[in-house]
Amino acid sequence: MCQLVESLKLKDGFIQNPAYHQVRLNRSMDELFPGAGTINLEKEIEIPENCTSGIFKVRVLYRRTLEKIEIMPYVFRKIGSLKVVHHQSIDYHLKYAGREVLQELFARRGNCDDIIIVKNGLVTDSFVANLLFFDGEKWFTPTSPLLKGTKRQFLLDQGVISEREIREDEIKNYQKIGLVNAMIGFDEMPVIEVDKVVF
């Protein structure tokens, strides 16, 4: 069975949105390992003294039981352009540590910084983030993400963004595209003008 991962943001000594990560972990465990119990993330993650200031990425690797916890400094990656790539059968509804298919798609980005993955005509995600689309008034996220990210769900619950089906041929109807994930919040996300999308 493939290894699963939860990537959590540790900011100034505090784990961000732990309840959302716990819900996703529980859902993954219920699907793959019914009856195995769960892993309590907040109890298992011990924060070293040298990680109480700044931003760190916490990777929790697990299968039926907890296997490894890694904590490393996080550096924001600059993203200024996006390349549309296609895959008709990709499935990443669980957060697996192995990302071979996603890496193959990312390798098709050419001179762009990241990708927009289209599956069966519908916009899904980028390489490591959920996508947000700005129409001049509101931000929307596709109803068909490959992975329902924790930050995406938090922003939906807060009413900051709304869900909408977005087809490839509708991308140009928007003005800007943002990328969010557990490490990148709404206020710090890279925002790309739609004319920086390569089809």
N, C-alpha and C. Protein backbone atom coordinates (compact mmCIF):
# COMPACT_ATOMS: atom_id res chain seq x y z
N MET A 1 0.84 -1.19 0.00
CA MET A 1 0.00 0.00 0.00
C MET A 1 0.88 1.25 0.00
N CYS A 2 0.54 2.22 -0.84
CA CYS A 2 1.34 3.43 -0.97
C CYS A 2 1.30 4.24 0.32
N GLN A 3 2.38 4.95 0.55
CA GLN A 3 2.50 5.80 1.72
C GLN A 3 1.71 7.09 1.52
N LEU A 4 1.06 7.55 2.57
CA LEU A 4 0.29 8.79 2.56
C LEU A 4 1.06 9.87 3.31
N VAL A 5 0.68 11.13 3.04
CA VAL A 5 1.37 12.23 3.69
C VAL A 5 0.39 13.34 4.05
N GLU A 6 0.62 13.98 5.16
CA GLU A 6 -0.04 15.24 5.49
C GLU A 6 1.06 16.28 5.63
N SER A 7 0.91 17.39 4.90
CA SER A 7 1.88 18.49 4.97
C SER A 7 1.23 19.65 5.72
N LEU A 8 1.78 19.99 6.86
CA LEU A 8 1.20 21.02 7.71
C LEU A 8 2.15 22.21 7.82
N LYS A 9 1.57 23.37 7.99
CA LYS A 9 2.36 24.60 8.14
C LYS A 9 2.59 24.86 9.62
N LEU A 10 3.84 25.01 9.97
CA LEU A 10 4.24 25.38 11.33
C LEU A 10 4.72 26.83 11.27
N LYS A 11 3.99 27.71 11.91
CA LYS A 11 4.32 29.14 11.87
C LYS A 11 4.54 29.65 13.28
N ASP A 12 5.75 30.11 13.53
CA ASP A 12 6.12 30.66 14.84
C ASP A 12 5.72 29.74 15.99
N GLY A 13 5.95 28.45 15.77
CA GLY A 13 5.73 27.47 16.82
C GLY A 13 4.33 26.89 16.90
N PHE A 14 3.43 27.29 16.01
CA PHE A 14 2.06 26.80 16.06
C PHE A 14 1.66 26.15 14.74
N ILE A 15 1.07 24.96 14.82
CA ILE A 15 0.54 24.27 13.64
C ILE A 15 -0.70 25.01 13.17
N GLN A 16 -0.79 25.26 11.86
CA GLN A 16 -1.92 25.98 11.28
C GLN A 16 -3.02 25.02 10.82
N ASN A 17 -4.24 25.32 11.18
CA ASN A 17 -5.42 24.54 10.76
C ASN A 17 -5.30 23.04 11.03
N PRO A 18 -4.89 22.64 12.22
CA PRO A 18 -4.69 21.20 12.48
C PRO A 18 -5.98 20.38 12.33
N ALA A 19 -7.12 20.98 12.67
CA ALA A 19 -8.38 20.21 12.60
C ALA A 19 -8.69 19.79 11.17
N TYR A 20 -8.37 20.63 10.19
CA TYR A 20 -8.63 20.29 8.79
C TYR A 20 -7.74 19.13 8.33
N HIS A 21 -6.50 19.13 8.78
CA HIS A 21 -5.61 18.03 8.44
C HIS A 21 -6.07 16.73 9.11
N GLN A 22 -6.55 16.85 10.34
CA GLN A 22 -7.02 15.66 11.05
C GLN A 22 -8.22 15.05 10.36
N VAL A 23 -9.13 15.88 9.89
CA VAL A 23 -10.31 15.38 9.17
C VAL A 23 -9.88 14.62 7.91
N ARG A 24 -8.94 15.19 7.17
CA ARG A 24 -8.51 14.52 5.93
C ARG A 24 -7.77 13.21 6.23
N LEU A 25 -6.91 13.24 7.25
CA LEU A 25 -6.23 12.01 7.64
C LEU A 25 -7.23 10.94 8.04
N ASN A 26 -8.22 11.31 8.86
CA ASN A 26 -9.23 10.34 9.29
C ASN A 26 -9.97 9.76 8.10
N ARG A 27 -10.32 10.62 7.14
CA ARG A 27 -11.04 10.16 5.95
C ARG A 27 -10.19 9.19 5.13
N SER A 28 -8.92 9.49 5.01
CA SER A 28 -8.01 8.61 4.27
C SER A 28 -7.86 7.27 4.98
N MET A 29 -7.71 7.31 6.30
CA MET A 29 -7.58 6.07 7.08
C MET A 29 -8.83 5.22 6.97
N ASP A 30 -10.01 5.87 7.04
CA ASP A 30 -11.27 5.13 6.94
C ASP A 30 -11.40 4.44 5.59
N GLU A 31 -10.91 5.11 4.52
CA GLU A 31 -11.03 4.53 3.18
C GLU A 31 -10.05 3.39 2.96
N LEU A 32 -8.80 3.56 3.40
CA LEU A 32 -7.77 2.58 3.10
C LEU A 32 -7.56 1.54 4.19
N PHE A 33 -7.77 1.94 5.43
CA PHE A 33 -7.49 1.04 6.56
C PHE A 33 -8.67 1.01 7.53
N PRO A 34 -9.85 0.59 7.08
CA PRO A 34 -11.01 0.61 7.98
C PRO A 34 -10.77 -0.23 9.23
N GLY A 35 -11.11 0.35 10.36
CA GLY A 35 -10.95 -0.35 11.63
C GLY A 35 -9.57 -0.22 12.25
N ALA A 36 -8.66 0.49 11.58
CA ALA A 36 -7.29 0.60 12.09
C ALA A 36 -7.14 1.70 13.13
N GLY A 37 -8.20 2.46 13.36
CA GLY A 37 -8.08 3.59 14.28
C GLY A 37 -7.55 4.80 13.55
N THR A 38 -6.97 5.73 14.27
CA THR A 38 -6.47 6.94 13.63
C THR A 38 -5.15 7.38 14.28
N ILE A 39 -4.59 8.43 13.77
CA ILE A 39 -3.36 9.03 14.28
C ILE A 39 -3.70 10.45 14.73
N ASN A 40 -3.43 10.77 15.97
CA ASN A 40 -3.72 12.10 16.49
C ASN A 40 -2.55 13.01 16.17
N LEU A 41 -2.73 13.86 15.17
CA LEU A 41 -1.63 14.69 14.69
C LEU A 41 -1.08 15.61 15.76
N GLU A 42 -1.96 16.28 16.49
CA GLU A 42 -1.47 17.26 17.48
C GLU A 42 -0.68 16.59 18.61
N LYS A 43 -1.03 15.35 18.93
CA LYS A 43 -0.29 14.64 19.97
C LYS A 43 1.04 14.11 19.45
N GLU A 44 1.06 13.74 18.19
CA GLU A 44 2.26 13.11 17.63
C GLU A 44 3.34 14.11 17.21
N ILE A 45 2.95 15.32 16.83
CA ILE A 45 3.92 16.29 16.35
C ILE A 45 4.55 17.04 17.52
N GLU A 46 5.83 16.83 17.72
CA GLU A 46 6.58 17.55 18.76
C GLU A 46 7.41 18.63 18.06
N ILE A 47 7.27 19.85 18.53
CA ILE A 47 7.93 20.97 17.88
C ILE A 47 9.29 21.23 18.54
N PRO A 48 10.38 21.07 17.79
CA PRO A 48 11.71 21.31 18.36
C PRO A 48 11.89 22.78 18.75
N GLU A 49 12.77 23.02 19.69
CA GLU A 49 13.01 24.39 20.16
C GLU A 49 13.51 25.31 19.05
N ASN A 50 14.23 24.75 18.07
CA ASN A 50 14.77 25.59 17.00
C ASN A 50 13.77 25.82 15.87
N CYS A 51 12.52 25.41 16.08
CA CYS A 51 11.48 25.60 15.07
C CYS A 51 10.31 26.43 15.60
N THR A 52 10.58 27.28 16.58
CA THR A 52 9.50 28.07 17.19
C THR A 52 9.40 29.48 16.61
N SER A 53 10.27 29.79 15.65
CA SER A 53 10.21 31.09 14.99
C SER A 53 10.42 30.90 13.50
N GLY A 54 9.52 31.48 12.70
CA GLY A 54 9.61 31.31 11.26
C GLY A 54 8.60 30.31 10.74
N ILE A 55 8.74 29.94 9.46
CA ILE A 55 7.79 29.04 8.81
C ILE A 55 8.48 27.75 8.43
N PHE A 56 7.86 26.64 8.83
CA PHE A 56 8.40 25.32 8.56
C PHE A 56 7.30 24.43 7.97
N LYS A 57 7.73 23.45 7.22
CA LYS A 57 6.82 22.45 6.67
C LYS A 57 6.97 21.17 7.47
N VAL A 58 5.85 20.67 7.97
CA VAL A 58 5.83 19.42 8.74
C VAL A 58 5.22 18.34 7.85
N ARG A 59 6.00 17.32 7.52
CA ARG A 59 5.51 16.20 6.69
C ARG A 59 5.28 15.00 7.59
N VAL A 60 4.03 14.57 7.66
CA VAL A 60 3.67 13.39 8.45
C VAL A 60 3.42 12.24 7.47
N LEU A 61 4.26 11.24 7.50
CA LEU A 61 4.17 10.10 6.59
C LEU A 61 3.56 8.92 7.33
N TYR A 62 2.58 8.28 6.71
CA TYR A 62 1.87 7.21 7.41
C TYR A 62 1.24 6.22 6.43
N ARG A 63 0.96 5.06 6.95
CA ARG A 63 0.10 4.08 6.29
C ARG A 63 -0.95 3.71 7.33
N ARG A 64 -0.93 2.47 7.77
CA ARG A 64 -1.85 2.06 8.83
C ARG A 64 -1.49 2.70 10.16
N THR A 65 -0.20 3.00 10.30
CA THR A 65 0.30 3.66 11.51
C THR A 65 1.25 4.79 11.09
N LEU A 66 1.57 5.64 12.03
CA LEU A 66 2.52 6.72 11.79
C LEU A 66 3.89 6.13 11.49
N GLU A 67 4.54 6.63 10.43
CA GLU A 67 5.85 6.10 10.05
C GLU A 67 6.98 7.10 10.24
N LYS A 68 6.72 8.37 9.98
CA LYS A 68 7.81 9.34 10.07
C LYS A 68 7.26 10.75 10.13
N ILE A 69 7.93 11.64 10.86
CA ILE A 69 7.60 13.07 10.86
C ILE A 69 8.87 13.84 10.51
N GLU A 70 8.77 14.69 9.49
CA GLU A 70 9.89 15.51 9.07
C GLU A 70 9.51 16.98 9.23
N ILE A 71 10.43 17.80 9.71
CA ILE A 71 10.20 19.23 9.84
C ILE A 71 11.35 19.95 9.15
N MET A 72 11.02 20.82 8.19
CA MET A 72 12.05 21.52 7.42
C MET A 72 11.64 22.96 7.18
N PRO A 73 12.62 23.86 7.05
CA PRO A 73 12.29 25.25 6.73
C PRO A 73 11.55 25.31 5.39
N TYR A 74 10.64 26.26 5.27
CA TYR A 74 9.86 26.40 4.03
C TYR A 74 10.25 27.68 3.31
N VAL A 75 10.48 27.53 2.02
CA VAL A 75 10.81 28.67 1.16
C VAL A 75 9.73 28.81 0.10
N PHE A 76 9.11 29.99 0.01
CA PHE A 76 8.08 30.22 -0.99
C PHE A 76 8.69 30.21 -2.39
N ARG A 77 8.03 29.51 -3.30
CA ARG A 77 8.50 29.42 -4.68
C ARG A 77 7.81 30.48 -5.53
N LYS A 78 8.58 31.18 -6.34
CA LYS A 78 8.01 32.24 -7.20
C LYS A 78 7.29 31.60 -8.38
N ILE A 79 6.05 32.02 -8.59
CA ILE A 79 5.25 31.51 -9.71
C ILE A 79 4.68 32.70 -10.46
N GLY A 80 5.05 32.83 -11.74
CA GLY A 80 4.58 33.96 -12.53
C GLY A 80 3.90 33.56 -13.83
N SER A 81 3.93 32.24 -14.14
CA SER A 81 3.32 31.78 -15.38
C SER A 81 2.85 30.33 -15.22
N LEU A 82 1.84 29.96 -16.01
CA LEU A 82 1.23 28.64 -15.90
C LEU A 82 1.05 28.02 -17.28
N LYS A 83 1.29 26.73 -17.38
CA LYS A 83 1.10 25.98 -18.62
C LYS A 83 -0.04 24.98 -18.44
N VAL A 84 -0.99 24.97 -19.37
CA VAL A 84 -2.09 24.02 -19.32
C VAL A 84 -1.61 22.66 -19.83
N VAL A 85 -1.81 21.63 -19.02
CA VAL A 85 -1.46 20.26 -19.42
C VAL A 85 -2.69 19.38 -19.21
N HIS A 86 -2.72 18.23 -19.89
CA HIS A 86 -3.92 17.38 -19.87
C HIS A 86 -3.59 15.97 -19.39
N HIS A 87 -4.53 15.40 -18.64
CA HIS A 87 -4.47 13.99 -18.26
C HIS A 87 -5.90 13.54 -18.02
N GLN A 88 -6.34 12.52 -18.72
CA GLN A 88 -7.76 12.16 -18.69
C GLN A 88 -8.14 11.20 -17.55
N SER A 89 -7.14 10.57 -16.91
CA SER A 89 -7.49 9.56 -15.91
C SER A 89 -6.76 9.74 -14.58
N ILE A 90 -6.09 10.85 -14.39
CA ILE A 90 -5.35 11.05 -13.14
C ILE A 90 -6.29 11.03 -11.94
N ASP A 91 -5.84 10.36 -10.87
CA ASP A 91 -6.62 10.27 -9.63
C ASP A 91 -5.68 10.55 -8.46
N TYR A 92 -5.94 11.63 -7.74
CA TYR A 92 -5.11 11.98 -6.59
C TYR A 92 -6.02 12.46 -5.46
N HIS A 93 -7.15 11.75 -5.26
CA HIS A 93 -8.11 12.20 -4.25
C HIS A 93 -7.61 11.94 -2.83
N LEU A 94 -6.60 11.07 -2.69
CA LEU A 94 -5.92 10.88 -1.41
C LEU A 94 -4.51 11.44 -1.54
N LYS A 95 -3.99 12.00 -0.47
CA LYS A 95 -2.68 12.66 -0.53
C LYS A 95 -1.56 11.64 -0.36
N TYR A 96 -1.20 11.01 -1.46
CA TYR A 96 -0.12 10.04 -1.45
C TYR A 96 1.23 10.73 -1.47
N ALA A 97 2.22 10.12 -0.81
CA ALA A 97 3.58 10.65 -0.84
C ALA A 97 4.18 10.52 -2.23
N GLY A 98 3.86 9.43 -2.93
CA GLY A 98 4.33 9.23 -4.30
C GLY A 98 3.53 10.09 -5.27
N ARG A 99 4.22 10.92 -6.04
CA ARG A 99 3.55 11.87 -6.93
C ARG A 99 4.09 11.76 -8.36
N GLU A 100 4.34 10.53 -8.79
CA GLU A 100 5.01 10.32 -10.07
C GLU A 100 4.24 10.93 -11.25
N VAL A 101 2.93 10.69 -11.30
CA VAL A 101 2.14 11.21 -12.42
C VAL A 101 2.14 12.74 -12.41
N LEU A 102 2.00 13.32 -11.22
CA LEU A 102 2.03 14.78 -11.11
C LEU A 102 3.40 15.33 -11.53
N GLN A 103 4.45 14.63 -11.18
CA GLN A 103 5.79 15.08 -11.56
C GLN A 103 5.98 15.01 -13.08
N GLU A 104 5.40 13.97 -13.70
CA GLU A 104 5.47 13.87 -15.16
C GLU A 104 4.74 15.04 -15.82
N LEU A 105 3.60 15.41 -15.28
CA LEU A 105 2.86 16.55 -15.82
C LEU A 105 3.62 17.85 -15.60
N PHE A 106 4.22 18.00 -14.43
CA PHE A 106 4.98 19.20 -14.11
C PHE A 106 6.16 19.36 -15.08
N ALA A 107 6.73 18.23 -15.50
CA ALA A 107 7.87 18.27 -16.42
C ALA A 107 7.48 18.79 -17.80
N ARG A 108 6.18 18.88 -18.07
CA ARG A 108 5.71 19.38 -19.37
C ARG A 108 5.51 20.90 -19.36
N ARG A 109 5.90 21.58 -18.32
CA ARG A 109 5.58 23.00 -18.17
C ARG A 109 6.38 23.90 -19.11
N GLY A 110 7.42 23.35 -19.77
CA GLY A 110 8.21 24.18 -20.67
C GLY A 110 8.91 25.29 -19.91
N ASN A 111 8.74 26.53 -20.38
CA ASN A 111 9.37 27.68 -19.73
C ASN A 111 8.51 28.28 -18.63
N CYS A 112 7.35 27.69 -18.36
CA CYS A 112 6.45 28.22 -17.33
C CYS A 112 6.88 27.74 -15.95
N ASP A 113 6.36 28.41 -14.93
CA ASP A 113 6.74 28.09 -13.55
C ASP A 113 5.93 26.95 -12.95
N ASP A 114 4.69 26.79 -13.40
CA ASP A 114 3.82 25.76 -12.84
C ASP A 114 2.80 25.37 -13.91
N ILE A 115 1.87 24.51 -13.54
CA ILE A 115 0.92 23.96 -14.50
C ILE A 115 -0.52 24.11 -14.03
N ILE A 116 -1.44 24.06 -14.98
CA ILE A 116 -2.87 23.90 -14.72
C ILE A 116 -3.25 22.55 -15.31
N ILE A 117 -3.68 21.64 -14.47
CA ILE A 117 -4.02 20.29 -14.93
C ILE A 117 -5.49 20.25 -15.32
N VAL A 118 -5.75 19.84 -16.56
CA VAL A 118 -7.11 19.71 -17.08
C VAL A 118 -7.42 18.24 -17.25
N LYS A 119 -8.55 17.81 -16.68
CA LYS A 119 -8.99 16.43 -16.79
C LYS A 119 -10.39 16.40 -17.39
N ASN A 120 -10.51 15.77 -18.54
CA ASN A 120 -11.80 15.68 -19.23
C ASN A 120 -12.44 17.05 -19.45
N GLY A 121 -11.61 18.01 -19.82
CA GLY A 121 -12.10 19.35 -20.12
C GLY A 121 -12.27 20.26 -18.93
N LEU A 122 -12.13 19.72 -17.71
CA LEU A 122 -12.35 20.50 -16.49
C LEU A 122 -11.03 20.86 -15.82
N VAL A 123 -10.95 22.10 -15.35
CA VAL A 123 -9.77 22.55 -14.61
C VAL A 123 -9.76 21.88 -13.24
N THR A 124 -8.58 21.40 -12.83
CA THR A 124 -8.45 20.75 -11.52
C THR A 124 -7.51 21.56 -10.62
N ASP A 125 -6.22 21.21 -10.61
CA ASP A 125 -5.25 21.82 -9.70
C ASP A 125 -3.98 22.20 -10.45
N SER A 126 -3.05 22.79 -9.70
CA SER A 126 -1.68 22.96 -10.22
C SER A 126 -0.87 21.78 -9.70
N PHE A 127 0.46 21.89 -9.77
CA PHE A 127 1.33 20.79 -9.34
C PHE A 127 1.18 20.51 -7.84
N VAL A 128 1.22 21.55 -7.03
CA VAL A 128 1.14 21.35 -5.57
C VAL A 128 0.12 22.26 -4.89
N ALA A 129 -0.81 22.81 -5.65
CA ALA A 129 -1.75 23.76 -5.04
C ALA A 129 -3.12 23.67 -5.68
N ASN A 130 -4.12 24.08 -4.92
CA ASN A 130 -5.45 24.30 -5.48
C ASN A 130 -5.47 25.65 -6.17
N LEU A 131 -6.29 25.76 -7.20
CA LEU A 131 -6.37 26.98 -8.00
C LEU A 131 -7.57 27.82 -7.62
N LEU A 132 -7.38 29.14 -7.65
CA LEU A 132 -8.47 30.10 -7.45
C LEU A 132 -8.51 31.01 -8.68
N PHE A 133 -9.73 31.39 -9.09
CA PHE A 133 -9.91 32.22 -10.28
C PHE A 133 -10.70 33.47 -9.91
N PHE A 134 -10.19 34.63 -10.31
CA PHE A 134 -10.81 35.91 -9.98
C PHE A 134 -11.48 36.49 -11.22
N ASP A 135 -12.78 36.79 -11.10
CA ASP A 135 -13.54 37.28 -12.26
C ASP A 135 -13.69 38.81 -12.28
N GLY A 136 -12.98 39.48 -11.37
CA GLY A 136 -13.09 40.93 -11.26
C GLY A 136 -13.84 41.35 -10.02
N GLU A 137 -14.62 40.42 -9.45
CA GLU A 137 -15.37 40.70 -8.23
C GLU A 137 -15.14 39.64 -7.14
N LYS A 138 -15.15 38.37 -7.54
CA LYS A 138 -15.07 37.27 -6.58
C LYS A 138 -14.04 36.24 -7.01
N TRP A 139 -13.59 35.46 -6.01
CA TRP A 139 -12.68 34.34 -6.25
C TRP A 139 -13.46 33.04 -6.26
N PHE A 140 -13.15 32.18 -7.23
CA PHE A 140 -13.80 30.88 -7.35
C PHE A 140 -12.73 29.79 -7.43
N THR A 141 -13.08 28.60 -6.94
CA THR A 141 -12.21 27.44 -7.06
C THR A 141 -12.95 26.35 -7.81
N PRO A 142 -12.26 25.60 -8.65
CA PRO A 142 -12.96 24.56 -9.43
C PRO A 142 -13.66 23.53 -8.55
N THR A 143 -14.81 23.06 -9.03
CA THR A 143 -15.54 22.01 -8.31
C THR A 143 -14.89 20.65 -8.48
N SER A 144 -13.85 20.57 -9.33
CA SER A 144 -13.25 19.28 -9.66
C SER A 144 -11.75 19.23 -9.33
N PRO A 145 -11.36 19.56 -8.09
CA PRO A 145 -9.93 19.48 -7.77
C PRO A 145 -9.46 18.03 -7.73
N LEU A 146 -8.19 17.83 -7.99
CA LEU A 146 -7.64 16.48 -7.82
C LEU A 146 -7.62 16.11 -6.34
N LEU A 147 -7.28 17.09 -5.51
CA LEU A 147 -7.21 16.89 -4.07
C LEU A 147 -7.91 18.05 -3.38
N LYS A 148 -8.83 17.74 -2.49
CA LYS A 148 -9.52 18.79 -1.75
C LYS A 148 -8.62 19.26 -0.61
N GLY A 149 -7.88 20.32 -0.89
CA GLY A 149 -6.89 20.81 0.05
C GLY A 149 -7.49 21.40 1.31
N THR A 150 -6.69 21.40 2.38
CA THR A 150 -7.17 21.92 3.66
C THR A 150 -7.37 23.43 3.62
N LYS A 151 -6.46 24.15 2.95
CA LYS A 151 -6.61 25.61 2.85
C LYS A 151 -7.82 25.95 1.98
N ARG A 152 -8.00 25.20 0.90
CA ARG A 152 -9.18 25.39 0.03
C ARG A 152 -10.46 25.24 0.85
N GLN A 153 -10.53 24.18 1.67
CA GLN A 153 -11.74 23.94 2.46
C GLN A 153 -11.94 25.04 3.50
N PHE A 154 -10.84 25.48 4.12
CA PHE A 154 -10.92 26.57 5.10
C PHE A 154 -11.49 27.83 4.45
N LEU A 155 -11.00 28.18 3.27
CA LEU A 155 -11.47 29.39 2.58
C LEU A 155 -12.93 29.26 2.14
N LEU A 156 -13.34 28.05 1.76
CA LEU A 156 -14.76 27.81 1.44
C LEU A 156 -15.62 28.00 2.69
N ASP A 157 -15.18 27.42 3.81
CA ASP A 157 -15.93 27.51 5.06
C ASP A 157 -16.05 28.95 5.55
N GLN A 158 -15.02 29.75 5.26
CA GLN A 158 -15.02 31.15 5.68
C GLN A 158 -15.77 32.06 4.72
N GLY A 159 -16.18 31.52 3.58
CA GLY A 159 -16.90 32.32 2.59
C GLY A 159 -16.00 33.24 1.77
N VAL A 160 -14.69 33.01 1.83
CA VAL A 160 -13.75 33.85 1.08
C VAL A 160 -13.79 33.50 -0.40
N ILE A 161 -14.01 32.21 -0.70
CA ILE A 161 -14.10 31.73 -2.07
C ILE A 161 -15.36 30.89 -2.23
N SER A 162 -15.75 30.64 -3.48
CA SER A 162 -16.90 29.78 -3.78
C SER A 162 -16.48 28.75 -4.82
N GLU A 163 -17.23 27.65 -4.88
CA GLU A 163 -16.97 26.62 -5.88
C GLU A 163 -17.70 26.94 -7.19
N ARG A 164 -17.07 26.60 -8.29
CA ARG A 164 -17.70 26.76 -9.60
C ARG A 164 -17.01 25.80 -10.58
N GLU A 165 -17.80 25.17 -11.43
CA GLU A 165 -17.20 24.37 -12.49
C GLU A 165 -16.48 25.30 -13.46
N ILE A 166 -15.23 25.01 -13.74
CA ILE A 166 -14.44 25.83 -14.65
C ILE A 166 -13.84 24.92 -15.71
N ARG A 167 -14.24 25.16 -16.94
CA ARG A 167 -13.73 24.39 -18.07
C ARG A 167 -12.49 25.06 -18.65
N GLU A 168 -11.72 24.28 -19.37
CA GLU A 168 -10.48 24.83 -19.95
C GLU A 168 -10.77 26.05 -20.82
N ASP A 169 -11.84 25.98 -21.61
CA ASP A 169 -12.13 27.10 -22.51
C ASP A 169 -12.71 28.31 -21.79
N GLU A 170 -12.92 28.19 -20.47
CA GLU A 170 -13.43 29.32 -19.69
C GLU A 170 -12.32 30.04 -18.90
N ILE A 171 -11.11 29.51 -18.93
CA ILE A 171 -10.02 30.12 -18.17
C ILE A 171 -9.85 31.59 -18.56
N LYS A 172 -9.94 31.87 -19.84
CA LYS A 172 -9.72 33.24 -20.34
C LYS A 172 -10.83 34.20 -19.92
N ASN A 173 -11.92 33.68 -19.36
CA ASN A 173 -12.98 34.55 -18.87
C ASN A 173 -12.62 35.22 -17.54
N TYR A 174 -11.53 34.75 -16.92
CA TYR A 174 -11.12 35.28 -15.62
C TYR A 174 -9.94 36.23 -15.80
N GLN A 175 -9.71 37.04 -14.76
CA GLN A 175 -8.62 38.02 -14.82
C GLN A 175 -7.32 37.50 -14.21
N LYS A 176 -7.46 36.80 -13.08
CA LYS A 176 -6.27 36.37 -12.34
C LYS A 176 -6.48 34.95 -11.80
N ILE A 177 -5.35 34.31 -11.53
CA ILE A 177 -5.37 32.96 -10.95
C ILE A 177 -4.46 32.96 -9.73
N GLY A 178 -4.97 32.44 -8.62
CA GLY A 178 -4.18 32.31 -7.41
C GLY A 178 -3.94 30.85 -7.08
N LEU A 179 -2.88 30.58 -6.32
CA LEU A 179 -2.55 29.22 -5.91
C LEU A 179 -2.46 29.16 -4.39
N VAL A 180 -3.23 28.25 -3.78
CA VAL A 180 -3.20 28.08 -2.33
C VAL A 180 -2.99 26.61 -1.96
N ASN A 181 -2.32 26.42 -0.86
CA ASN A 181 -2.25 25.09 -0.25
C ASN A 181 -2.00 25.27 1.24
N ALA A 182 -1.70 24.19 1.93
CA ALA A 182 -1.54 24.28 3.38
C ALA A 182 -0.44 25.27 3.78
N MET A 183 0.55 25.41 2.91
CA MET A 183 1.68 26.29 3.21
C MET A 183 1.47 27.72 2.73
N ILE A 184 0.55 27.92 1.79
CA ILE A 184 0.37 29.22 1.15
C ILE A 184 -1.04 29.72 1.40
N GLY A 185 -1.18 30.74 2.23
CA GLY A 185 -2.48 31.29 2.55
C GLY A 185 -2.99 32.26 1.50
N PHE A 186 -4.24 32.65 1.63
CA PHE A 186 -4.89 33.54 0.67
C PHE A 186 -4.17 34.88 0.56
N ASP A 187 -3.69 35.39 1.69
CA ASP A 187 -3.07 36.71 1.70
C ASP A 187 -1.63 36.72 1.18
N GLU A 188 -1.05 35.53 0.99
CA GLU A 188 0.34 35.45 0.54
C GLU A 188 0.50 34.63 -0.74
N MET A 189 -0.63 34.26 -1.34
CA MET A 189 -0.55 33.39 -2.52
C MET A 189 0.00 34.12 -3.74
N PRO A 190 0.71 33.40 -4.61
CA PRO A 190 1.09 34.00 -5.89
C PRO A 190 -0.17 34.22 -6.74
N VAL A 191 -0.22 35.37 -7.39
CA VAL A 191 -1.36 35.70 -8.25
C VAL A 191 -0.83 35.94 -9.66
N ILE A 192 -1.38 35.21 -10.62
CA ILE A 192 -0.89 35.24 -11.99
C ILE A 192 -1.96 35.83 -12.90
N GLU A 193 -1.58 36.78 -13.71
CA GLU A 193 -2.51 37.33 -14.70
C GLU A 193 -2.83 36.25 -15.73
N VAL A 194 -4.08 36.23 -16.19
CA VAL A 194 -4.50 35.16 -17.10
C VAL A 194 -3.72 35.19 -18.41
N ASP A 195 -3.22 36.33 -18.80
CA ASP A 195 -2.43 36.37 -20.04
C ASP A 195 -1.06 35.71 -19.87
N LYS A 196 -0.74 35.26 -18.65
CA LYS A 196 0.49 34.52 -18.41
C LYS A 196 0.25 33.00 -18.43
N VAL A 197 -0.95 32.60 -18.89
CA VAL A 197 -1.28 31.19 -19.04
C VAL A 197 -0.97 30.78 -20.48
N VAL A 198 -0.23 29.69 -20.63
CA VAL A 198 0.12 29.16 -21.95
C VAL A 198 -0.74 27.92 -22.22
N PHE A 199 -1.46 27.96 -23.33
CA PHE A 199 -2.36 26.84 -23.68
C PHE A 199 -1.67 25.90 -24.68
